[in-house]
């Protein structure tokens, strides 16, 4: 009986010892795994900013049924891009006051803990410059007041000191690949790239000289002989140039269709342009305007 009791006690102690060792090993493995996860997270954080560059994305916007849908698309694109680069989103409403629709959307950036900041402005287009219902888009200059309001804010609030900063005019009716924002970080002065589905072509793009690699001409569906036959979505500018050229603004006096060309003339010449997106062979932005919906009735109480 005594031997059975002793054997039972020894077995129990051994079993408890084995369990303790298993627990000890398991804890060590768990700590090791946690250390690996922490190290991976630190590595991811260190790689988040591919360069110390801030991108100021300027988005003019105006009310129409698809406004919120298109702004949400831009917002979600910037959310993804902000894991790679530092983003500041400047949203400028074509309105006498800031609307609840846009304000509520921008509050999501705070509430959802997005990795980028925003600036909310408003600047109304004069009535005589407004497009009427059936007017073609080219008949009036669009976004002049809004882009100029953003330029003024940048000149009043952004310094040339510190890290590199880039301005990009990011309309709300385009589709953007997050790779574009990595390209923007490469800009030294003025960078350019192709834009898809614009001007009646599958792309509009700078054409490079195969010997020099510089921009020699442009493939454009409209007046390719312009000094800069480049779409608004097809270039980015170093903030230093914006600050050192305070006279550079968009204007209603500019020739129709020449807003981009005459604006870029303040900062650069054709041979100084910096071709990006693999020497202008990749497309990272498209004109994909949302179809105007045929709304026949309004359901009250919804912010659509």
C-alpha atoms as a PDB file:
ATOM      1  CA  UNK A   1       0.000   0.000   0.000  1.00  0.00           C
ATOM      2  CA  UNK A   2       2.819   2.318   0.923  1.00  0.00           C
ATOM      3  CA  UNK A   3       4.606   1.521  -2.343  1.00  0.00           C
ATOM      4  CA  UNK A   4       1.421   2.261  -4.348  1.00  0.00           C
ATOM      5  CA  UNK A   5       0.991   5.555  -2.542  1.00  0.00           C
ATOM      6  CA  UNK A   6       4.646   6.456  -3.088  1.00  0.00           C
ATOM      7  CA  UNK A   7       4.386   5.466  -6.768  1.00  0.00           C
ATOM      8  CA  UNK A   8       1.240   7.568  -7.150  1.00  0.00           C
ATOM      9  CA  UNK A   9       2.905  10.578  -5.512  1.00  0.00           C
ATOM     10  CA  UNK A  10       5.999  10.264  -7.667  1.00  0.00           C
ATOM     11  CA  UNK A  11       3.880   9.922 -10.811  1.00  0.00           C
ATOM     12  CA  UNK A  12       1.814  12.958  -9.869  1.00  0.00           C
ATOM     13  CA  UNK A  13       4.913  15.029  -9.179  1.00  0.00           C
ATOM     14  CA  UNK A  14       6.438  13.949 -12.495  1.00  0.00           C
ATOM     15  CA  UNK A  15       3.224  14.755 -14.318  1.00  0.00           C
ATOM     16  CA  UNK A  16       3.029  18.173 -12.679  1.00  0.00           C
ATOM     17  CA  UNK A  17       6.702  18.771 -13.515  1.00  0.00           C
ATOM     18  CA  UNK A  18       6.094  17.827 -17.170  1.00  0.00           C
ATOM     19  CA  UNK A  19       3.059  20.121 -17.352  1.00  0.00           C
ATOM     20  CA  UNK A  20       5.101  22.933 -15.828  1.00  0.00           C
ATOM     21  CA  UNK A  21       7.863  22.406 -18.393  1.00  0.00           C
ATOM     22  CA  UNK A  22       5.342  22.316 -21.232  1.00  0.00           C
ATOM     23  CA  UNK A  23       3.827  25.556 -19.954  1.00  0.00           C
ATOM     24  CA  UNK A  24       7.314  27.085 -19.630  1.00  0.00           C
ATOM     25  CA  UNK A  25       8.214  26.102 -23.194  1.00  0.00           C
ATOM     26  CA  UNK A  26       4.844  27.295 -24.481  1.00  0.00           C
ATOM     27  CA  UNK A  27       5.308  30.670 -22.754  1.00  0.00           C
ATOM     28  CA  UNK A  28       8.802  30.984 -24.202  1.00  0.00           C
ATOM     29  CA  UNK A  29       7.481  30.224 -27.688  1.00  0.00           C
ATOM     30  CA  UNK A  30       4.645  32.700 -27.213  1.00  0.00           C
ATOM     31  CA  UNK A  31       7.102  35.378 -26.102  1.00  0.00           C
ATOM     32  CA  UNK A  32       9.304  34.570 -29.079  1.00  0.00           C
ATOM     33  CA  UNK A  33       6.343  34.816 -31.461  1.00  0.00           C
ATOM     34  CA  UNK A  34       5.296  38.110 -29.871  1.00  0.00           C
ATOM     35  CA  UNK A  35       8.847  39.416 -30.286  1.00  0.00           C
ATOM     36  CA  UNK A  36       8.801  38.360 -33.945  1.00  0.00           C
ATOM     37  CA  UNK A  37       5.435  40.097 -34.471  1.00  0.00           C
ATOM     38  CA  UNK A  38       6.692  43.248 -32.740  1.00  0.00           C
ATOM     39  CA  UNK A  39       9.846  43.259 -34.843  1.00  0.00           C
ATOM     40  CA  UNK A  40       7.765  42.799 -37.998  1.00  0.00           C
ATOM     41  CA  UNK A  41       5.492  45.687 -36.987  1.00  0.00           C
ATOM     42  CA  UNK A  42       8.495  47.889 -36.286  1.00  0.00           C
ATOM     43  CA  UNK A  43       9.895  46.926 -39.676  1.00  0.00           C
ATOM     44  CA  UNK A  44       6.565  47.750 -41.348  1.00  0.00           C
ATOM     45  CA  UNK A  45       6.417  51.110 -39.594  1.00  0.00           C
ATOM     46  CA  UNK A  46       9.964  51.910 -40.642  1.00  0.00           C
ATOM     47  CA  UNK A  47       8.994  51.140 -44.233  1.00  0.00           C
ATOM     48  CA  UNK A  48       5.722  53.092 -44.103  1.00  0.00           C
ATOM     49  CA  UNK A  49       7.280  56.299 -45.332  1.00  0.00           C
ATOM     50  CA  UNK A  50       9.303  55.425 -48.389  1.00  0.00           C
ATOM     51  CA  UNK A  51      10.745  58.925 -48.298  1.00  0.00           C
ATOM     52  CA  UNK A  52      10.427  61.985 -46.105  1.00  0.00           C
ATOM     53  CA  UNK A  53       8.010  63.652 -48.504  1.00  0.00           C
ATOM     54  CA  UNK A  54       4.615  65.273 -47.918  1.00  0.00           C
ATOM     55  CA  UNK A  55       2.050  65.238 -50.736  1.00  0.00           C
ATOM     56  CA  UNK A  56      -0.527  68.060 -50.709  1.00  0.00           C
ATOM     57  CA  UNK A  57      -3.470  66.688 -52.684  1.00  0.00           C
ATOM     58  CA  UNK A  58      -5.788  69.463 -53.881  1.00  0.00           C
ATOM     59  CA  UNK A  59      -9.357  68.350 -54.610  1.00  0.00           C
ATOM     60  CA  UNK A  60     -11.917  70.858 -55.894  1.00  0.00           C
ATOM     61  CA  UNK A  61     -15.463  69.573 -55.471  1.00  0.00           C
ATOM     62  CA  UNK A  62     -19.011  70.730 -56.150  1.00  0.00           C
ATOM     63  CA  UNK A  63     -22.472  69.402 -55.374  1.00  0.00           C
ATOM     64  CA  UNK A  64     -24.050  66.827 -57.647  1.00  0.00           C
ATOM     65  CA  UNK A  65     -25.683  63.482 -56.901  1.00  0.00           C
ATOM     66  CA  UNK A  66     -22.408  61.567 -57.219  1.00  0.00           C
ATOM     67  CA  UNK A  67     -20.324  64.011 -55.143  1.00  0.00           C
ATOM     68  CA  UNK A  68     -20.181  61.916 -51.989  1.00  0.00           C
ATOM     69  CA  UNK A  69     -19.545  58.690 -53.902  1.00  0.00           C
ATOM     70  CA  UNK A  70     -16.600  60.216 -55.723  1.00  0.00           C
ATOM     71  CA  UNK A  71     -15.155  61.840 -52.602  1.00  0.00           C
ATOM     72  CA  UNK A  72     -15.399  58.521 -50.754  1.00  0.00           C
ATOM     73  CA  UNK A  73     -13.378  56.909 -53.542  1.00  0.00           C
ATOM     74  CA  UNK A  74     -10.684  59.582 -53.234  1.00  0.00           C
ATOM     75  CA  UNK A  75     -10.733  59.319 -49.432  1.00  0.00           C
ATOM     76  CA  UNK A  76     -10.213  55.561 -49.532  1.00  0.00           C
ATOM     77  CA  UNK A  77      -7.418  55.895 -52.085  1.00  0.00           C
ATOM     78  CA  UNK A  78      -5.636  58.379 -49.842  1.00  0.00           C
ATOM     79  CA  UNK A  79      -6.144  56.088 -46.852  1.00  0.00           C
ATOM     80  CA  UNK A  80      -4.221  53.365 -48.690  1.00  0.00           C
ATOM     81  CA  UNK A  81      -1.592  55.791 -49.991  1.00  0.00           C
ATOM     82  CA  UNK A  82      -0.990  57.191 -46.509  1.00  0.00           C
ATOM     83  CA  UNK A  83       0.588  53.904 -45.452  1.00  0.00           C
ATOM     84  CA  UNK A  84       3.447  54.721 -47.825  1.00  0.00           C
ATOM     85  CA  UNK A  85       3.684  58.512 -47.950  1.00  0.00           C
ATOM     86  CA  UNK A  86       2.684  61.498 -45.831  1.00  0.00           C
ATOM     87  CA  UNK A  87      -0.598  62.907 -47.176  1.00  0.00           C
ATOM     88  CA  UNK A  88      -2.313  66.258 -46.617  1.00  0.00           C
ATOM     89  CA  UNK A  89      -5.709  66.451 -48.344  1.00  0.00           C
ATOM     90  CA  UNK A  90      -6.948  69.949 -49.237  1.00  0.00           C
ATOM     91  CA  UNK A  91     -10.655  69.756 -50.125  1.00  0.00           C
ATOM     92  CA  UNK A  92     -12.128  72.952 -51.578  1.00  0.00           C
ATOM     93  CA  UNK A  93     -15.870  73.207 -52.080  1.00  0.00           C
ATOM     94  CA  UNK A  94     -17.413  75.297 -54.836  1.00  0.00           C
ATOM     95  CA  UNK A  95     -19.834  76.818 -52.361  1.00  0.00           C
ATOM     96  CA  UNK A  96     -20.558  79.955 -50.338  1.00  0.00           C
ATOM     97  CA  UNK A  97     -20.164  77.876 -47.182  1.00  0.00           C
ATOM     98  CA  UNK A  98     -18.862  74.482 -46.128  1.00  0.00           C
ATOM     99  CA  UNK A  99     -21.598  71.901 -46.563  1.00  0.00           C
ATOM    100  CA  UNK A 100     -22.646  69.234 -44.074  1.00  0.00           C
ATOM    101  CA  UNK A 101     -22.142  66.496 -46.656  1.00  0.00           C
ATOM    102  CA  UNK A 102     -18.440  67.239 -47.130  1.00  0.00           C
ATOM    103  CA  UNK A 103     -17.880  68.143 -43.467  1.00  0.00           C
ATOM    104  CA  UNK A 104     -19.368  64.843 -42.306  1.00  0.00           C
ATOM    105  CA  UNK A 105     -17.264  62.885 -44.765  1.00  0.00           C
ATOM    106  CA  UNK A 106     -14.077  64.593 -43.606  1.00  0.00           C
ATOM    107  CA  UNK A 107     -14.952  63.874 -39.968  1.00  0.00           C
ATOM    108  CA  UNK A 108     -14.529  60.210 -40.828  1.00  0.00           C
ATOM    109  CA  UNK A 109     -10.807  60.868 -41.175  1.00  0.00           C
ATOM    110  CA  UNK A 110     -10.723  61.811 -37.495  1.00  0.00           C
ATOM    111  CA  UNK A 111     -13.209  59.190 -36.314  1.00  0.00           C
ATOM    112  CA  UNK A 112     -11.654  56.294 -38.214  1.00  0.00           C
ATOM    113  CA  UNK A 113      -8.078  57.164 -37.268  1.00  0.00           C
ATOM    114  CA  UNK A 114      -6.834  57.644 -40.823  1.00  0.00           C
ATOM    115  CA  UNK A 115      -3.109  58.232 -41.265  1.00  0.00           C
ATOM    116  CA  UNK A 116      -3.447  61.576 -43.017  1.00  0.00           C
ATOM    117  CA  UNK A 117      -4.665  65.103 -42.303  1.00  0.00           C
ATOM    118  CA  UNK A 118      -7.104  67.300 -44.190  1.00  0.00           C
ATOM    119  CA  UNK A 119      -7.880  70.972 -44.768  1.00  0.00           C
ATOM    120  CA  UNK A 120     -11.462  71.989 -45.582  1.00  0.00           C
ATOM    121  CA  UNK A 121     -11.926  75.190 -47.595  1.00  0.00           C
ATOM    122  CA  UNK A 122     -14.637  76.747 -49.736  1.00  0.00           C
ATOM    123  CA  UNK A 123     -14.500  79.176 -52.658  1.00  0.00           C
ATOM    124  CA  UNK A 124     -17.493  79.823 -54.890  1.00  0.00           C
ATOM    125  CA  UNK A 125     -17.239  80.072 -58.661  1.00  0.00           C
ATOM    126  CA  UNK A 126     -18.777  83.320 -60.001  1.00  0.00           C
ATOM    127  CA  UNK A 127     -22.198  82.721 -61.590  1.00  0.00           C
ATOM    128  CA  UNK A 128     -21.032  83.929 -65.015  1.00  0.00           C
ATOM    129  CA  UNK A 129     -18.374  81.164 -65.023  1.00  0.00           C
ATOM    130  CA  UNK A 130     -20.761  78.358 -64.101  1.00  0.00           C
ATOM    131  CA  UNK A 131     -21.599  75.705 -66.658  1.00  0.00           C
ATOM    132  CA  UNK A 132     -25.259  75.446 -67.527  1.00  0.00           C
ATOM    133  CA  UNK A 133     -27.085  72.129 -67.714  1.00  0.00           C
ATOM    134  CA  UNK A 134     -26.258  71.180 -71.298  1.00  0.00           C
ATOM    135  CA  UNK A 135     -23.005  73.113 -71.722  1.00  0.00           C
ATOM    136  CA  UNK A 136     -19.994  71.029 -72.801  1.00  0.00           C
ATOM    137  CA  UNK A 137     -17.300  70.770 -70.113  1.00  0.00           C
ATOM    138  CA  UNK A 138     -14.774  72.710 -72.201  1.00  0.00           C
ATOM    139  CA  UNK A 139     -16.984  75.798 -72.522  1.00  0.00           C
ATOM    140  CA  UNK A 140     -16.001  77.251 -69.127  1.00  0.00           C
ATOM    141  CA  UNK A 141     -12.917  77.107 -66.960  1.00  0.00           C
ATOM    142  CA  UNK A 142     -13.554  74.761 -64.026  1.00  0.00           C
ATOM    143  CA  UNK A 143     -11.933  74.683 -60.601  1.00  0.00           C
ATOM    144  CA  UNK A 144     -10.192  78.052 -60.927  1.00  0.00           C
ATOM    145  CA  UNK A 145     -11.415  79.554 -57.645  1.00  0.00           C
ATOM    146  CA  UNK A 146     -10.957  76.310 -55.765  1.00  0.00           C
ATOM    147  CA  UNK A 147      -7.402  75.575 -56.922  1.00  0.00           C
ATOM    148  CA  UNK A 148      -6.395  79.191 -56.272  1.00  0.00           C
ATOM    149  CA  UNK A 149      -7.856  78.987 -52.750  1.00  0.00           C
ATOM    150  CA  UNK A 150      -5.723  75.913 -52.143  1.00  0.00           C
ATOM    151  CA  UNK A 151      -2.621  77.630 -53.534  1.00  0.00           C
ATOM    152  CA  UNK A 152      -3.247  80.592 -51.232  1.00  0.00           C
ATOM    153  CA  UNK A 153      -3.602  78.287 -48.230  1.00  0.00           C
ATOM    154  CA  UNK A 154      -0.349  76.540 -49.122  1.00  0.00           C
ATOM    155  CA  UNK A 155       1.502  79.840 -49.487  1.00  0.00           C
ATOM    156  CA  UNK A 156       0.102  81.068 -46.163  1.00  0.00           C
ATOM    157  CA  UNK A 157       0.655  77.893 -44.166  1.00  0.00           C
ATOM    158  CA  UNK A 158       3.436  75.778 -45.675  1.00  0.00           C
ATOM    159  CA  UNK A 159       7.140  76.455 -45.326  1.00  0.00           C
ATOM    160  CA  UNK A 160       9.880  75.516 -47.763  1.00  0.00           C
ATOM    161  CA  UNK A 161      12.001  74.351 -44.836  1.00  0.00           C
ATOM    162  CA  UNK A 162      12.203  70.767 -43.701  1.00  0.00           C
ATOM    163  CA  UNK A 163      11.221  67.753 -45.761  1.00  0.00           C
ATOM    164  CA  UNK A 164      10.337  67.859 -49.442  1.00  0.00           C
ATOM    165  CA  UNK A 165       6.732  68.763 -50.250  1.00  0.00           C
ATOM    166  CA  UNK A 166       4.793  68.186 -53.469  1.00  0.00           C
ATOM    167  CA  UNK A 167       1.502  69.649 -54.725  1.00  0.00           C
ATOM    168  CA  UNK A 168      -0.811  67.424 -56.754  1.00  0.00           C
ATOM    169  CA  UNK A 169      -4.141  68.533 -58.235  1.00  0.00           C
ATOM    170  CA  UNK A 170      -6.329  65.515 -57.504  1.00  0.00           C
ATOM    171  CA  UNK A 171      -9.784  65.941 -59.016  1.00  0.00           C
ATOM    172  CA  UNK A 172     -12.592  63.932 -57.430  1.00  0.00           C
ATOM    173  CA  UNK A 173     -13.835  62.388 -60.688  1.00  0.00           C
ATOM    174  CA  UNK A 174     -10.676  60.379 -61.466  1.00  0.00           C
ATOM    175  CA  UNK A 175      -9.456  56.950 -60.419  1.00  0.00           C
ATOM    176  CA  UNK A 176      -5.991  56.702 -58.856  1.00  0.00           C
ATOM    177  CA  UNK A 177      -3.569  53.831 -58.366  1.00  0.00           C
ATOM    178  CA  UNK A 178      -1.756  54.126 -55.026  1.00  0.00           C
ATOM    179  CA  UNK A 179       1.498  53.611 -56.961  1.00  0.00           C
ATOM    180  CA  UNK A 180       1.058  57.150 -58.269  1.00  0.00           C
ATOM    181  CA  UNK A 181       1.823  58.557 -54.825  1.00  0.00           C
ATOM    182  CA  UNK A 182       5.128  56.732 -54.708  1.00  0.00           C
ATOM    183  CA  UNK A 183       5.945  58.359 -58.055  1.00  0.00           C
ATOM    184  CA  UNK A 184       5.075  61.770 -56.620  1.00  0.00           C
ATOM    185  CA  UNK A 185       7.773  61.368 -53.973  1.00  0.00           C
ATOM    186  CA  UNK A 186      10.402  61.206 -56.731  1.00  0.00           C
ATOM    187  CA  UNK A 187       9.682  64.728 -58.007  1.00  0.00           C
ATOM    188  CA  UNK A 188      12.446  67.292 -57.645  1.00  0.00           C
ATOM    189  CA  UNK A 189      10.767  70.185 -59.488  1.00  0.00           C
ATOM    190  CA  UNK A 190       7.972  69.221 -61.920  1.00  0.00           C
ATOM    191  CA  UNK A 191       7.165  65.593 -62.664  1.00  0.00           C
ATOM    192  CA  UNK A 192       4.906  64.277 -65.431  1.00  0.00           C
ATOM    193  CA  UNK A 193       3.284  60.945 -66.409  1.00  0.00           C
ATOM    194  CA  UNK A 194       0.516  59.515 -68.637  1.00  0.00           C
ATOM    195  CA  UNK A 195      -3.203  59.883 -67.899  1.00  0.00           C
ATOM    196  CA  UNK A 196      -5.636  57.239 -69.096  1.00  0.00           C
ATOM    197  CA  UNK A 197      -8.980  57.677 -70.865  1.00  0.00           C
ATOM    198  CA  UNK A 198      -8.722  61.365 -71.688  1.00  0.00           C
ATOM    199  CA  UNK A 199      -8.971  63.568 -74.769  1.00  0.00           C
ATOM    200  CA  UNK A 200     -10.668  60.878 -76.823  1.00  0.00           C
ATOM    201  CA  UNK A 201      -7.635  58.593 -76.493  1.00  0.00           C
ATOM    202  CA  UNK A 202      -6.872  55.609 -74.310  1.00  0.00           C
ATOM    203  CA  UNK A 203      -4.038  57.718 -72.855  1.00  0.00           C
ATOM    204  CA  UNK A 204      -2.477  61.144 -73.151  1.00  0.00           C
ATOM    205  CA  UNK A 205       1.232  61.082 -72.464  1.00  0.00           C
ATOM    206  CA  UNK A 206       4.527  62.906 -72.865  1.00  0.00           C
ATOM    207  CA  UNK A 207       6.691  61.414 -75.607  1.00  0.00           C
ATOM    208  CA  UNK A 208      10.345  61.037 -74.669  1.00  0.00           C
ATOM    209  CA  UNK A 209      13.426  61.467 -76.801  1.00  0.00           C
ATOM    210  CA  UNK A 210      14.969  57.960 -76.870  1.00  0.00           C
ATOM    211  CA  UNK A 211      18.480  59.422 -76.778  1.00  0.00           C
ATOM    212  CA  UNK A 212      18.135  62.011 -74.000  1.00  0.00           C
ATOM    213  CA  UNK A 213      15.179  60.584 -72.082  1.00  0.00           C
ATOM    214  CA  UNK A 214      13.669  64.078 -71.952  1.00  0.00           C
ATOM    215  CA  UNK A 215      10.164  65.108 -72.990  1.00  0.00           C
ATOM    216  CA  UNK A 216      10.241  65.851 -76.721  1.00  0.00           C
ATOM    217  CA  UNK A 217       6.524  66.098 -77.555  1.00  0.00           C
ATOM    218  CA  UNK A 218       3.084  64.986 -76.409  1.00  0.00           C
ATOM    219  CA  UNK A 219       0.460  62.495 -77.487  1.00  0.00           C
ATOM    220  CA  UNK A 220      -2.819  64.321 -76.909  1.00  0.00           C
ATOM    221  CA  UNK A 221      -6.282  64.235 -78.374  1.00  0.00           C
ATOM    222  CA  UNK A 222      -6.474  68.027 -78.408  1.00  0.00           C
ATOM    223  CA  UNK A 223      -3.805  70.506 -79.540  1.00  0.00           C
ATOM    224  CA  UNK A 224      -0.722  68.376 -78.894  1.00  0.00           C
ATOM    225  CA  UNK A 225       1.411  71.370 -79.934  1.00  0.00           C
ATOM    226  CA  UNK A 226       0.583  73.209 -76.689  1.00  0.00           C
ATOM    227  CA  UNK A 227       3.721  74.096 -74.689  1.00  0.00           C
ATOM    228  CA  UNK A 228       2.541  71.582 -72.070  1.00  0.00           C
ATOM    229  CA  UNK A 229      -0.130  69.290 -73.516  1.00  0.00           C
ATOM    230  CA  UNK A 230      -0.647  67.665 -70.121  1.00  0.00           C
ATOM    231  CA  UNK A 231      -3.835  66.898 -68.205  1.00  0.00           C
ATOM    232  CA  UNK A 232      -4.356  68.322 -64.704  1.00  0.00           C
ATOM    233  CA  UNK A 233      -3.930  64.807 -63.301  1.00  0.00           C
ATOM    234  CA  UNK A 234      -0.648  64.320 -65.143  1.00  0.00           C
ATOM    235  CA  UNK A 235       1.810  66.467 -63.194  1.00  0.00           C
ATOM    236  CA  UNK A 236       3.043  67.337 -59.716  1.00  0.00           C
ATOM    237  CA  UNK A 237       5.008  70.396 -58.539  1.00  0.00           C
ATOM    238  CA  UNK A 238       7.495  70.946 -55.734  1.00  0.00           C
ATOM    239  CA  UNK A 239       6.081  73.331 -53.119  1.00  0.00           C
ATOM    240  CA  UNK A 240       9.301  75.367 -53.276  1.00  0.00           C
ATOM    241  CA  UNK A 241       8.333  76.430 -56.811  1.00  0.00           C
ATOM    242  CA  UNK A 242       4.820  77.347 -55.666  1.00  0.00           C
ATOM    243  CA  UNK A 243       6.227  79.506 -52.867  1.00  0.00           C
ATOM    244  CA  UNK A 244       8.893  81.186 -54.996  1.00  0.00           C
ATOM    245  CA  UNK A 245       6.402  82.095 -57.739  1.00  0.00           C
ATOM    246  CA  UNK A 246       3.521  83.836 -55.901  1.00  0.00           C
ATOM    247  CA  UNK A 247       2.124  85.172 -59.174  1.00  0.00           C
ATOM    248  CA  UNK A 248       1.438  81.627 -60.404  1.00  0.00           C
ATOM    249  CA  UNK A 249      -2.338  81.120 -60.299  1.00  0.00           C
ATOM    250  CA  UNK A 250      -5.112  79.806 -62.488  1.00  0.00           C
ATOM    251  CA  UNK A 251      -7.076  82.468 -64.345  1.00  0.00           C
ATOM    252  CA  UNK A 252     -10.307  82.934 -66.288  1.00  0.00           C
ATOM    253  CA  UNK A 253      -8.227  84.953 -68.744  1.00  0.00           C
ATOM    254  CA  UNK A 254      -6.311  81.877 -69.804  1.00  0.00           C
ATOM    255  CA  UNK A 255      -7.261  80.429 -73.158  1.00  0.00           C
ATOM    256  CA  UNK A 256      -9.853  77.636 -73.000  1.00  0.00           C
ATOM    257  CA  UNK A 257      -8.083  74.330 -72.497  1.00  0.00           C
ATOM    258  CA  UNK A 258      -4.769  75.990 -71.612  1.00  0.00           C
ATOM    259  CA  UNK A 259      -5.086  76.136 -67.811  1.00  0.00           C
ATOM    260  CA  UNK A 260      -2.499  73.397 -67.241  1.00  0.00           C
ATOM    261  CA  UNK A 261      -0.166  74.613 -69.970  1.00  0.00           C
ATOM    262  CA  UNK A 262      -0.108  78.249 -68.904  1.00  0.00           C
ATOM    263  CA  UNK A 263       0.128  77.362 -65.221  1.00  0.00           C
ATOM    264  CA  UNK A 264       3.128  75.081 -65.759  1.00  0.00           C
ATOM    265  CA  UNK A 265       4.867  77.812 -67.750  1.00  0.00           C
ATOM    266  CA  UNK A 266       5.401  79.695 -64.476  1.00  0.00           C
ATOM    267  CA  UNK A 267       7.684  76.946 -63.194  1.00  0.00           C
ATOM    268  CA  UNK A 268       9.476  75.043 -65.923  1.00  0.00           C
ATOM    269  CA  UNK A 269      10.273  74.420 -69.563  1.00  0.00           C
ATOM    270  CA  UNK A 270       9.544  71.295 -71.548  1.00  0.00           C
ATOM    271  CA  UNK A 271      13.107  70.006 -71.423  1.00  0.00           C
ATOM    272  CA  UNK A 272      13.160  70.406 -67.628  1.00  0.00           C
ATOM    273  CA  UNK A 273      10.150  68.148 -67.055  1.00  0.00           C
ATOM    274  CA  UNK A 274      10.858  64.963 -65.089  1.00  0.00           C
ATOM    275  CA  UNK A 275       9.274  61.883 -66.739  1.00  0.00           C
ATOM    276  CA  UNK A 276       8.025  59.435 -64.128  1.00  0.00           C
ATOM    277  CA  UNK A 277       5.973  56.211 -64.107  1.00  0.00           C
ATOM    278  CA  UNK A 278       8.780  54.177 -65.691  1.00  0.00           C
ATOM    279  CA  UNK A 279       9.619  56.855 -68.252  1.00  0.00           C
ATOM    280  CA  UNK A 280       5.953  57.495 -68.977  1.00  0.00           C
ATOM    281  CA  UNK A 281       5.201  53.860 -69.859  1.00  0.00           C
ATOM    282  CA  UNK A 282       2.850  53.122 -66.953  1.00  0.00           C
ATOM    283  CA  UNK A 283      -0.641  54.502 -66.298  1.00  0.00           C
ATOM    284  CA  UNK A 284      -1.552  55.224 -62.654  1.00  0.00           C
ATOM    285  CA  UNK A 285      -4.473  57.652 -63.079  1.00  0.00           C
ATOM    286  CA  UNK A 286      -7.593  57.560 -65.252  1.00  0.00           C
ATOM    287  CA  UNK A 287     -10.438  59.911 -66.149  1.00  0.00           C
ATOM    288  CA  UNK A 288     -13.375  57.735 -65.104  1.00  0.00           C
ATOM    289  CA  UNK A 289     -16.149  60.245 -64.540  1.00  0.00           C
ATOM    290  CA  UNK A 290     -19.119  58.665 -62.836  1.00  0.00           C
ATOM    291  CA  UNK A 291     -22.193  58.515 -65.037  1.00  0.00           C
ATOM    292  CA  UNK A 292     -24.763  61.147 -64.149  1.00  0.00           C
ATOM    293  CA  UNK A 293     -27.631  59.267 -62.466  1.00  0.00           C
ATOM    294  CA  UNK A 294     -31.197  59.654 -63.641  1.00  0.00           C
ATOM    295  CA  UNK A 295     -32.776  60.494 -60.279  1.00  0.00           C
ATOM    296  CA  UNK A 296     -36.573  60.659 -60.469  1.00  0.00           C
ATOM    297  CA  UNK A 297     -37.335  60.921 -56.781  1.00  0.00           C
ATOM    298  CA  UNK A 298     -35.819  61.806 -53.410  1.00  0.00           C
ATOM    299  CA  UNK A 299     -36.109  59.638 -50.279  1.00  0.00           C
ATOM    300  CA  UNK A 300     -35.850  62.103 -47.369  1.00  0.00           C
ATOM    301  CA  UNK A 301     -33.519  61.660 -44.417  1.00  0.00           C
ATOM    302  CA  UNK A 302     -30.484  60.264 -46.249  1.00  0.00           C
ATOM    303  CA  UNK A 303     -27.127  61.859 -46.979  1.00  0.00           C
ATOM    304  CA  UNK A 304     -26.271  60.121 -50.250  1.00  0.00           C
END
